[in-house]
């Protein structure tokens, strides 16, 4: 359960307990008010019953006295006295009616009995007063039965009201005791539950925060493989732990990428350093030859002896070859620089690939003789006409044939060219040799700039490691690609695939 849900659950539980306490308080107050109202009504009714009883007794005694006077004397009441006497009887009747308004449902029957008996008694008394001066009017006011009946009904009602008042008082006491007990229990339960929930919440939060702190310290100290896995929370703390783990993973990947990039940069710097050393060596070799043979020719010309023209011609040929070798090296460096800066462009034209392949084969004739290799080339006249950069096409196969001849001794070199049936619109040309070959690791980096297949290759065979890289870049620039198949000691096969369809060449270039 998430921290947010735990907090909400705790808060809701506490609010429910407080709501129960408040509801209990209001219910107790309402019950007490109702009971007190009924109790006050019962007390008022009891007090009123006592007053009515006293008034009935006083009025009966007065009527008995007046009845005796009426029988023994001829005194009469004036109208004012009669009205006052009737008013007193009416007042008793009003008190009875008021007592009816104070009576509850449980005393309604007793009140109805009192009302009936009191009406009979009060009507007789009212008739007595109104006909007091009429000697012919006779009423038996001395009959005690109506008075006793009304008095008895009043006492029954009064006893009933006293009983109800006692019950109401007991109910009030029980209600107060119950509400007080519920309030105390609810208050204690609220305190206990709040303390319990707070304890477990603080404990859970403290443990989770400690794990997060430990994870942050471990990750901050560089232990990026550490993961916060002990937080059983699907909410904020769990999301925070997941964010720490994701951050650690990303930092580890970033550091791995930085380390890998640094290693690659170190390898590139090392390769460039080797390249510079190789280039300086390759530059010095033809330059030393040019300078050496030039000084020899200069010395020969300064002598008075006859010049050996044949030897002179051979020395000039060596100077020319060294110059061309130096020019080729400089051109390779410039071509690679143009490719890397994106300034290399194509000069497309229509040409016959067979003629350029023949020229490239003829260009390596001196190397073939020096390495005692044999070249096998077919008739290239069946190849389709290409629309592409002829100079780069010639340079690709000049480099491939030169490499094949350099790494092969007393072997065979062959050129195979065809238009594959399964790929219309393309020309496939392969250069094979029976030279030293390469393993898979060497093949994976043979087309990289400044890199040769093996570190010992430079010392043994020379070169700068730019030839195959330039071939790959030129092939891709012309819309094709180059691949290699090789095995150690079994030679190598470099296959170039160039588009022959002009539209295809322009689309893929």
Protein backbone atom coordinates (compact mmCIF):
# COMPACT_ATOMS: atom_id res chain seq x y z
CA UNK A 1 0.00 0.00 0.00
CA UNK A 2 1.33 3.43 -0.92
CA UNK A 3 2.19 6.10 1.63
CA UNK A 4 -0.58 8.33 0.33
CA UNK A 5 -3.17 5.61 0.80
CA UNK A 6 -1.89 4.89 4.29
CA UNK A 7 -2.18 8.56 5.21
CA UNK A 8 -5.67 8.82 3.72
CA UNK A 9 -6.80 5.64 5.50
CA UNK A 10 -5.44 6.88 8.82
CA UNK A 11 -7.05 10.29 8.39
CA UNK A 12 -10.41 8.78 7.39
CA UNK A 13 -10.34 6.40 10.39
CA UNK A 14 -9.60 9.24 12.80
CA UNK A 15 -12.31 11.42 11.23
CA UNK A 16 -14.82 8.54 11.50
CA UNK A 17 -14.04 8.15 15.20
CA UNK A 18 -14.40 11.88 15.78
CA UNK A 19 -17.65 11.86 13.79
CA UNK A 20 -18.96 9.02 15.99
CA UNK A 21 -18.05 10.99 19.11
CA UNK A 22 -19.69 14.13 17.79
CA UNK A 23 -22.77 12.18 16.67
CA UNK A 24 -23.00 10.51 20.06
CA UNK A 25 -22.74 13.90 21.76
CA UNK A 26 -25.53 15.39 19.65
CA UNK A 27 -27.70 12.30 20.04
CA UNK A 28 -27.23 12.43 23.84
CA UNK A 29 -28.01 16.14 23.86
CA UNK A 30 -31.15 15.59 21.81
CA UNK A 31 -32.26 12.67 24.00
CA UNK A 32 -31.59 14.68 27.16
CA UNK A 33 -33.51 17.65 25.79
CA UNK A 34 -36.46 15.46 24.85
CA UNK A 35 -36.44 13.72 28.21
CA UNK A 36 -36.04 17.02 30.07
CA UNK A 37 -38.93 18.51 28.11
CA UNK A 38 -41.14 15.57 28.98
CA UNK A 39 -39.92 15.71 32.58
CA UNK A 40 -40.72 19.41 32.82
CA UNK A 41 -44.17 18.78 31.34
CA UNK A 42 -44.77 16.03 33.90
CA UNK A 43 -43.61 18.26 36.76
CA UNK A 44 -45.74 21.17 35.52
CA UNK A 45 -48.74 18.85 35.14
CA UNK A 46 -48.23 17.53 38.68
CA UNK A 47 -48.01 21.06 40.05
CA UNK A 48 -51.13 22.08 38.10
CA UNK A 49 -52.99 19.00 39.35
CA UNK A 50 -52.21 20.04 42.92
CA UNK A 51 -53.51 23.55 42.23
CA UNK A 52 -56.71 22.20 40.65
CA UNK A 53 -57.24 19.89 43.61
CA UNK A 54 -56.88 22.82 46.02
CA UNK A 55 -59.22 25.00 43.97
CA UNK A 56 -61.87 22.24 43.81
CA UNK A 57 -61.67 21.75 47.53
CA UNK A 58 -61.97 25.50 48.24
CA UNK A 59 -64.82 25.91 45.77
CA UNK A 60 -66.75 22.93 47.23
CA UNK A 61 -66.43 24.31 50.76
CA UNK A 62 -67.66 27.71 49.60
CA UNK A 63 -70.64 26.22 47.76
CA UNK A 64 -71.58 24.17 50.82
CA UNK A 65 -71.51 27.34 52.96
CA UNK A 66 -73.54 29.31 50.40
CA UNK A 67 -76.04 26.46 50.10
CA UNK A 68 -76.62 26.51 53.89
CA UNK A 69 -77.00 30.32 53.85
CA UNK A 70 -79.45 30.09 50.90
CA UNK A 71 -81.60 27.59 52.76
CA UNK A 72 -81.68 29.50 56.05
CA UNK A 73 -81.74 33.14 54.85
CA UNK A 74 -83.20 35.18 52.06
CA UNK A 75 -79.94 36.94 51.14
CA UNK A 76 -79.27 37.21 47.48
CA UNK A 77 -76.21 37.88 45.22
CA UNK A 78 -76.04 40.79 42.93
CA UNK A 79 -74.99 40.23 39.33
CA UNK A 80 -71.40 41.18 39.98
CA UNK A 81 -70.96 38.60 42.68
CA UNK A 82 -72.61 35.94 40.53
CA UNK A 83 -70.29 36.73 37.61
CA UNK A 84 -67.25 36.56 39.90
CA UNK A 85 -68.33 33.20 41.28
CA UNK A 86 -68.95 31.81 37.75
CA UNK A 87 -65.55 33.19 36.71
CA UNK A 88 -63.90 31.25 39.49
CA UNK A 89 -65.59 28.05 38.26
CA UNK A 90 -64.50 28.89 34.67
CA UNK A 91 -60.96 29.39 35.92
CA UNK A 92 -61.03 25.87 37.35
CA UNK A 93 -62.24 24.58 33.99
CA UNK A 94 -59.44 26.49 32.19
CA UNK A 95 -56.90 24.89 34.51
CA UNK A 96 -58.29 21.46 33.63
CA UNK A 97 -58.00 22.25 29.92
CA UNK A 98 -54.42 23.44 30.44
CA UNK A 99 -53.71 20.21 32.25
CA UNK A 100 -54.96 18.39 29.15
CA UNK A 101 -52.45 20.26 27.00
CA UNK A 102 -49.65 19.16 29.35
CA UNK A 103 -50.78 15.56 29.39
CA UNK A 104 -48.87 13.01 27.30
CA UNK A 105 -50.24 10.15 25.25
CA UNK A 106 -49.72 7.74 28.15
CA UNK A 107 -51.91 9.95 30.44
CA UNK A 108 -54.53 10.83 27.85
CA UNK A 109 -57.03 8.25 29.15
CA UNK A 110 -56.71 9.48 32.73
CA UNK A 111 -57.19 13.05 31.58
CA UNK A 112 -60.36 12.20 29.60
CA UNK A 113 -61.85 10.59 32.68
CA UNK A 114 -60.96 13.67 34.75
CA UNK A 115 -62.42 15.95 32.12
CA UNK A 116 -65.76 14.12 32.03
CA UNK A 117 -66.16 14.02 35.80
CA UNK A 118 -64.99 17.63 36.25
CA UNK A 119 -67.40 18.90 33.58
CA UNK A 120 -70.35 17.38 35.45
CA UNK A 121 -69.20 18.86 38.75
CA UNK A 122 -68.35 22.29 37.35
CA UNK A 123 -71.62 22.53 35.41
CA UNK A 124 -73.55 21.86 38.63
CA UNK A 125 -71.56 24.53 40.44
CA UNK A 126 -72.01 26.97 37.59
CA UNK A 127 -75.79 26.36 37.60
CA UNK A 128 -75.87 26.85 41.37
CA UNK A 129 -74.28 30.30 41.10
CA UNK A 130 -76.37 31.46 38.18
CA UNK A 131 -79.66 30.35 39.84
CA UNK A 132 -78.70 31.29 43.36
CA UNK A 133 -81.33 34.05 43.61
CA UNK A 134 -84.05 31.75 42.17
CA UNK A 135 -85.66 30.07 45.16
CA UNK A 136 -87.54 27.68 42.94
CA UNK A 137 -84.28 26.25 41.53
CA UNK A 138 -83.12 23.19 43.37
CA UNK A 139 -79.75 21.52 42.98
CA UNK A 140 -78.22 18.89 45.23
CA UNK A 141 -74.84 20.50 45.90
CA UNK A 142 -74.40 18.46 49.03
CA UNK A 143 -74.09 15.21 47.04
CA UNK A 144 -70.41 14.28 47.53
CA UNK A 145 -70.26 11.75 44.67
CA UNK A 146 -69.43 14.14 41.76
CA UNK A 147 -66.79 15.89 43.81
CA UNK A 148 -65.27 12.62 45.04
CA UNK A 149 -65.29 11.18 41.51
CA UNK A 150 -63.54 14.26 40.06
CA UNK A 151 -61.10 14.30 42.96
CA UNK A 152 -60.37 10.59 42.47
CA UNK A 153 -59.77 11.06 38.73
CA UNK A 154 -57.48 13.97 39.49
CA UNK A 155 -55.48 11.90 41.96
CA UNK A 156 -55.18 9.05 39.42
CA UNK A 157 -53.88 11.50 36.81
CA UNK A 158 -51.50 13.04 39.32
CA UNK A 159 -50.16 9.63 40.34
CA UNK A 160 -49.72 8.71 36.69
CA UNK A 161 -47.84 11.93 36.02
CA UNK A 162 -45.58 11.41 39.00
CA UNK A 163 -44.79 7.91 37.75
CA UNK A 164 -43.99 9.21 34.29
CA UNK A 165 -41.85 11.99 35.76
CA UNK A 166 -39.85 9.42 37.67
CA UNK A 167 -39.41 7.32 34.50
CA UNK A 168 -38.28 10.38 32.56
CA UNK A 169 -35.77 11.23 35.29
CA UNK A 170 -34.42 7.66 35.14
CA UNK A 171 -34.21 7.83 31.35
CA UNK A 172 -32.31 11.12 31.58
CA UNK A 173 -29.87 9.60 34.04
CA UNK A 174 -29.33 6.53 31.83
CA UNK A 175 -28.92 8.68 28.72
CA UNK A 176 -26.35 10.89 30.38
CA UNK A 177 -24.46 7.88 31.69
CA UNK A 178 -24.55 6.15 28.25
CA UNK A 179 -23.44 9.20 26.29
CA UNK A 180 -20.68 9.91 28.78
CA UNK A 181 -19.52 6.30 28.52
CA UNK A 182 -19.60 6.31 24.71
CA UNK A 183 -17.78 9.65 24.62
CA UNK A 184 -15.05 8.41 26.95
CA UNK A 185 -14.68 5.12 25.05
CA UNK A 186 -14.60 6.93 21.70
CA UNK A 187 -12.07 9.43 23.00
CA UNK A 188 -9.81 6.69 24.36
CA UNK A 189 -10.21 4.65 21.15
CA UNK A 190 -9.37 7.73 19.07
CA UNK A 191 -6.23 8.35 21.09
CA UNK A 192 -5.20 4.68 20.91
CA UNK A 193 -5.91 4.33 17.20
CA UNK A 194 -4.24 7.63 16.37
CA UNK A 195 -1.15 6.65 18.35
CA UNK A 196 -1.09 3.17 16.76
CA UNK A 197 -1.54 4.43 13.22
CA UNK A 198 1.00 7.18 13.81
CA UNK A 199 3.52 4.67 15.20
CA UNK A 200 3.20 2.26 12.29
CA UNK A 201 3.12 5.09 9.76
CA UNK A 202 6.25 6.69 11.19
CA UNK A 203 7.94 3.29 11.41
CA UNK A 204 7.06 2.40 7.83
CA UNK A 205 8.04 5.82 6.49
CA UNK A 206 11.28 5.84 8.52
CA UNK A 207 12.29 2.40 7.23
CA UNK A 208 11.50 3.35 3.63
CA UNK A 209 13.38 6.64 3.92
CA UNK A 210 16.37 4.85 5.46
CA UNK A 211 16.44 2.44 2.51
CA UNK A 212 16.21 5.38 0.13
CA UNK A 213 19.00 7.15 2.01
CA UNK A 214 21.19 4.04 1.95
CA UNK A 215 20.51 3.62 -1.77
CA UNK A 216 21.32 7.28 -2.46
CA UNK A 217 24.57 6.97 -0.50
CA UNK A 218 25.55 3.77 -2.33
CA UNK A 219 24.71 5.25 -5.71
CA UNK A 220 26.40 8.54 -4.80
CA UNK A 221 29.57 6.66 -3.78
CA UNK A 222 29.77 5.15 -7.26
CA UNK A 223 28.13 1.77 -6.70
CA UNK A 224 25.86 2.08 -9.74
CA UNK A 225 24.99 -1.62 -9.67
CA UNK A 226 23.14 -1.19 -6.34
CA UNK A 227 19.33 -1.33 -6.56
CA UNK A 228 16.70 -0.31 -4.00
CA UNK A 229 14.48 -3.40 -3.98
CA UNK A 230 13.18 -3.58 -0.38
CA UNK A 231 10.44 -0.93 -0.50
CA UNK A 232 7.03 -2.62 -0.71
CA UNK A 233 5.27 0.56 -1.76
CA UNK A 234 3.29 1.12 -4.94
CA UNK A 235 2.98 4.86 -4.42
CA UNK A 236 5.29 7.81 -3.90
CA UNK A 237 8.11 6.01 -2.06
CA UNK A 238 8.02 3.14 -4.57
CA UNK A 239 8.12 5.64 -7.45
CA UNK A 240 11.03 7.41 -5.77
CA UNK A 241 12.92 4.12 -5.36
CA UNK A 242 12.20 3.28 -9.00
CA UNK A 243 13.44 6.73 -10.05
CA UNK A 244 16.68 6.12 -8.09
CA UNK A 245 17.11 2.74 -9.76
CA UNK A 246 16.43 4.20 -13.21
CA UNK A 247 18.85 7.03 -12.51
CA UNK A 248 21.50 4.53 -11.43
CA UNK A 249 20.92 2.44 -14.55
CA UNK A 250 21.11 5.49 -16.80
CA UNK A 251 24.25 6.73 -15.04
CA UNK A 252 25.85 3.31 -15.39
CA UNK A 253 24.96 3.17 -19.08
CA UNK A 254 26.18 6.73 -19.57
CA UNK A 255 29.45 5.97 -17.82
CA UNK A 256 29.79 2.79 -19.87
CA UNK A 257 29.16 4.79 -23.04
CA UNK A 258 31.67 7.42 -21.92
CA UNK A 259 34.21 4.72 -21.11
CA UNK A 260 33.56 3.05 -24.43
CA UNK A 261 33.84 6.36 -26.26
CA UNK A 262 37.04 7.11 -24.36
CA UNK A 263 38.46 3.73 -25.31
CA UNK A 264 37.40 4.31 -28.90
CA UNK A 265 38.99 7.76 -28.81
CA UNK A 266 42.15 6.26 -27.32
CA UNK A 267 42.18 3.61 -30.02
CA UNK A 268 41.58 6.27 -32.67
CA UNK A 269 44.38 8.40 -31.27
CA UNK A 270 46.65 5.39 -31.17
CA UNK A 271 45.66 4.49 -34.72
CA UNK A 272 46.28 8.04 -35.87
CA UNK A 273 49.63 8.05 -34.09
CA UNK A 274 50.55 4.83 -35.86
CA UNK A 275 49.19 6.31 -39.06
CA UNK A 276 51.34 9.40 -38.67
CA UNK A 277 54.35 7.22 -38.02
CA UNK A 278 53.51 5.11 -41.07
CA UNK A 279 52.86 8.18 -43.21
CA UNK A 280 56.15 9.73 -42.14
CA UNK A 281 57.90 6.48 -43.01
CA UNK A 282 56.05 6.16 -46.31
CA UNK A 283 56.83 9.77 -47.14
CA UNK A 284 60.49 9.46 -46.24
CA UNK A 285 60.97 6.34 -48.37
CA UNK A 286 60.19 7.87 -51.77
CA UNK A 287 61.66 11.22 -50.72
CA UNK A 288 64.94 9.55 -49.73
CA UNK A 289 64.97 7.72 -53.06
CA UNK A 290 64.25 10.94 -54.96
CA UNK A 291 66.89 12.90 -53.06
CA UNK A 292 69.44 10.06 -53.19
CA UNK A 293 69.15 9.37 -56.90
CA UNK A 294 69.02 13.10 -57.66
CA UNK A 295 72.29 13.61 -55.76
CA UNK A 296 73.84 10.66 -57.57
CA UNK A 297 72.80 12.05 -60.95
CA UNK A 298 74.09 15.46 -59.94
CA UNK A 299 77.44 14.01 -58.97
CA UNK A 300 77.66 12.00 -62.19
CA UNK A 301 76.95 15.08 -64.27
CA UNK A 302 79.61 17.05 -62.40
CA UNK A 303 82.26 14.43 -63.23
CA UNK A 304 84.23 14.73 -66.47
CA UNK A 305 83.83 11.03 -67.14
CA UNK A 306 81.44 9.83 -69.80
CA UNK A 307 77.83 9.40 -68.57
CA UNK A 308 76.35 5.91 -68.56
CA UNK A 309 73.10 6.72 -70.29
CA UNK A 310 71.44 3.38 -69.53
CA UNK A 311 72.23 3.66 -65.84
CA UNK A 312 71.21 7.31 -65.93
CA UNK A 313 67.86 6.31 -67.45
CA UNK A 314 67.28 3.67 -64.76
CA UNK A 315 67.96 6.18 -62.00
CA UNK A 316 65.52 8.65 -63.53
CA UNK A 317 62.88 5.90 -63.72
CA UNK A 318 63.38 5.26 -59.99
CA UNK A 319 62.99 8.96 -59.27
CA UNK A 320 59.78 9.04 -61.33
CA UNK A 321 58.38 5.94 -59.59
CA UNK A 322 59.20 7.38 -56.17
CA UNK A 323 57.53 10.66 -57.14
CA UNK A 324 54.43 8.84 -58.31
CA UNK A 325 54.40 6.80 -55.12
CA UNK A 326 54.66 9.99 -53.11
CA UNK A 327 51.88 11.60 -55.18
CA UNK A 328 49.64 8.56 -54.66
CA UNK A 329 50.14 8.73 -50.89
CA UNK A 330 49.37 12.44 -50.80
CA UNK A 331 46.27 11.92 -52.97
CA UNK A 332 45.02 9.19 -50.64
CA UNK A 333 45.37 11.49 -47.65
CA UNK A 334 43.57 14.32 -49.47
CA UNK A 335 40.79 11.99 -50.66
CA UNK A 336 40.20 10.68 -47.15
CA UNK A 337 40.11 14.23 -45.80
CA UNK A 338 37.52 15.23 -48.40
CA UNK A 339 35.35 12.21 -47.62
CA UNK A 340 35.42 12.87 -43.85
CA UNK A 341 34.57 16.55 -44.28
CA UNK A 342 31.81 15.79 -46.81
CA UNK A 343 33.52 17.72 -49.62
CA UNK A 344 34.10 14.74 -51.89
CA UNK A 345 31.85 14.97 -54.96
CA UNK A 346 31.10 12.71 -57.91
CA UNK A 347 31.85 13.60 -61.49
CA UNK A 348 29.50 11.25 -63.27
CA UNK A 349 30.05 10.28 -66.87
CA UNK A 350 29.39 7.32 -69.13
CA UNK A 351 32.30 4.90 -69.39
CA UNK A 352 33.17 1.31 -70.19
CA UNK A 353 34.20 -0.45 -66.97
CA UNK A 354 36.18 -3.10 -68.89
CA UNK A 355 38.62 -0.52 -70.21
CA UNK A 356 39.27 0.92 -66.75
CA UNK A 357 39.74 -2.57 -65.30
CA UNK A 358 42.32 -3.34 -68.00
CA UNK A 359 44.15 -0.12 -67.14
CA UNK A 360 44.18 -1.03 -63.43
CA UNK A 361 45.52 -4.51 -64.26
CA UNK A 362 48.23 -3.04 -66.44
CA UNK A 363 49.21 -0.58 -63.69
CA UNK A 364 50.24 -3.38 -61.31
CA UNK A 365 52.41 -5.22 -63.84
CA UNK A 366 55.68 -4.11 -62.15
CA UNK A 367 54.36 -5.31 -58.76
CA UNK A 368 53.34 -8.63 -60.27
CA UNK A 369 56.87 -9.20 -61.52
CA UNK A 370 58.50 -8.16 -58.25
CA UNK A 371 56.20 -10.43 -56.21
CA UNK A 372 56.33 -13.23 -58.82
CA UNK A 373 52.52 -13.37 -59.01
CA UNK A 374 50.26 -14.31 -61.89
CA UNK A 375 47.18 -12.30 -62.86
CA UNK A 376 44.12 -13.96 -64.35
CA UNK A 377 41.61 -11.59 -65.92
CA UNK A 378 38.71 -12.41 -68.24
CA UNK A 379 37.34 -10.49 -71.17
CA UNK A 380 35.47 -7.47 -69.77
CA UNK A 381 33.72 -6.50 -73.01
CA UNK A 382 30.40 -8.07 -71.90
CA UNK A 383 30.04 -5.68 -68.97
CA UNK A 384 27.33 -3.01 -69.35
CA UNK A 385 28.17 0.65 -69.70
CA UNK A 386 28.23 2.54 -66.39
CA UNK A 387 27.20 6.08 -65.58
CA UNK A 388 29.28 7.09 -62.59
CA UNK A 389 32.63 8.57 -61.55
CA UNK A 390 35.24 6.88 -63.77
CA UNK A 391 38.28 8.14 -61.85
CA UNK A 392 37.02 6.80 -58.55
CA UNK A 393 36.08 3.50 -60.22
CA UNK A 394 39.64 3.17 -61.53
CA UNK A 395 41.14 4.13 -58.15
CA UNK A 396 39.04 1.50 -56.30
CA UNK A 397 40.35 -1.38 -58.38
CA UNK A 398 43.86 0.02 -58.56
CA UNK A 399 43.94 -0.05 -54.74
CA UNK A 400 42.36 -3.52 -54.54
CA UNK A 401 44.76 -5.01 -57.10
CA UNK A 402 47.73 -3.26 -55.47
CA UNK A 403 46.76 -4.68 -52.05
CA UNK A 404 46.27 -8.16 -53.54
CA UNK A 405 49.69 -8.04 -55.12
CA UNK A 406 51.34 -6.63 -51.98
CA UNK A 407 50.05 -9.38 -49.68
CA UNK A 408 50.57 -12.23 -52.17
CA UNK A 409 53.91 -13.75 -53.13
CA UNK A 410 54.38 -16.52 -55.70
CA UNK A 411 50.59 -16.74 -55.95
CA UNK A 412 47.61 -16.00 -58.17
CA UNK A 413 45.40 -12.94 -58.48
CA UNK A 414 42.17 -12.98 -60.44
CA UNK A 415 39.48 -10.49 -61.39
CA UNK A 416 35.90 -11.71 -61.91
CA UNK A 417 33.28 -9.32 -63.27
CA UNK A 418 29.63 -10.03 -64.11
CA UNK A 419 26.13 -8.61 -64.15
CA UNK A 420 24.28 -10.80 -61.59
CA UNK A 421 20.96 -12.19 -62.80
CA UNK A 422 19.38 -11.98 -59.36
CA UNK A 423 20.14 -8.26 -59.13
CA UNK A 424 19.36 -6.51 -62.42
CA UNK A 425 20.82 -3.04 -62.81
CA UNK A 426 24.03 -3.87 -60.90
CA UNK A 427 27.61 -4.94 -61.76
CA UNK A 428 29.59 -7.23 -59.45
CA UNK A 429 33.39 -7.24 -59.63
CA UNK A 430 35.52 -9.44 -57.35
CA UNK A 431 39.31 -9.34 -56.80
CA UNK A 432 40.70 -12.62 -55.44
CA UNK A 433 44.17 -13.51 -54.25
CA UNK A 434 45.97 -16.44 -52.64
CA UNK A 435 47.85 -14.27 -50.16
CA UNK A 436 48.15 -14.29 -46.37
CA UNK A 437 44.40 -13.90 -45.71
CA UNK A 438 42.65 -12.54 -42.58
CA UNK A 439 40.69 -13.87 -39.63
CA UNK A 440 37.20 -12.54 -38.65
CA UNK A 441 38.57 -9.96 -36.20
CA UNK A 442 40.86 -8.55 -38.85
CA UNK A 443 38.07 -8.50 -41.40
CA UNK A 444 35.86 -6.47 -39.04
CA UNK A 445 38.32 -3.55 -39.00
CA UNK A 446 40.02 -3.81 -42.36
CA UNK A 447 37.90 -0.99 -43.86
CA UNK A 448 38.57 1.44 -40.98
CA UNK A 449 40.75 4.46 -41.64
CA UNK A 450 44.33 4.46 -40.29
CA UNK A 451 43.97 0.73 -39.42
CA UNK A 452 45.55 -2.27 -41.02
CA UNK A 453 44.53 -5.87 -40.41
CA UNK A 454 47.46 -6.51 -38.06
CA UNK A 455 49.97 -4.27 -36.31
CA UNK A 456 52.82 -6.29 -37.81
CA UNK A 457 51.49 -5.70 -41.32
CA UNK A 458 52.94 -2.21 -41.49
CA UNK A 459 56.42 -3.32 -40.52
CA UNK A 460 56.38 -6.26 -42.91
CA UNK A 461 54.46 -4.93 -45.91
CA UNK A 462 54.39 -1.14 -45.44
CA UNK A 463 51.44 1.09 -46.24
CA UNK A 464 49.29 3.53 -44.28
CA UNK A 465 45.99 1.68 -43.95
CA UNK A 466 44.09 4.20 -46.09
CA UNK A 467 43.57 2.22 -49.29
CA UNK A 468 40.65 0.01 -48.26
CA UNK A 469 39.02 2.81 -46.27
CA UNK A 470 39.05 4.97 -49.40
CA UNK A 471 37.64 2.07 -51.42
CA UNK A 472 34.76 1.67 -49.01
CA UNK A 473 34.01 5.43 -48.98
CA UNK A 474 34.16 5.64 -52.78
CA UNK A 475 31.86 2.63 -53.18
CA UNK A 476 29.28 4.12 -50.84
CA UNK A 477 29.62 7.51 -52.51
CA UNK A 478 28.97 5.88 -55.90
CA UNK A 479 25.85 4.10 -54.56
CA UNK A 480 27.41 0.65 -54.07
CA UNK A 481 29.22 -1.23 -51.35
CA UNK A 482 32.22 -3.47 -50.80
CA UNK A 483 32.57 -6.68 -48.80
CA UNK A 484 35.38 -9.14 -47.98
CA UNK A 485 35.66 -12.89 -47.52
CA UNK A 486 38.90 -14.30 -46.24
CA UNK A 487 40.60 -16.97 -44.18
CA UNK A 488 44.14 -17.00 -42.75
CA UNK A 489 46.58 -18.54 -45.22
CA UNK A 490 43.89 -19.00 -47.90
CA UNK A 491 43.74 -15.57 -49.44
CA UNK A 492 41.04 -12.92 -49.64
CA UNK A 493 38.20 -11.94 -51.95
CA UNK A 494 37.04 -8.32 -52.13
CA UNK A 495 33.67 -7.93 -53.90
CA UNK A 496 32.43 -4.58 -55.20
CA UNK A 497 28.79 -4.06 -56.19
CA UNK A 498 28.20 -0.95 -58.36
CA UNK A 499 24.84 0.11 -59.91
CA UNK A 500 24.81 0.05 -63.72
CA UNK A 501 21.40 1.71 -64.07
CA UNK A 502 21.92 5.50 -64.21
CA UNK A 503 18.72 6.24 -62.26
CA UNK A 504 19.61 3.63 -59.67
CA UNK A 505 23.10 5.05 -59.34
CA UNK A 506 21.78 8.57 -58.74
CA UNK A 507 19.14 7.32 -56.27
CA UNK A 508 21.50 5.28 -54.12
CA UNK A 509 24.47 7.66 -54.25
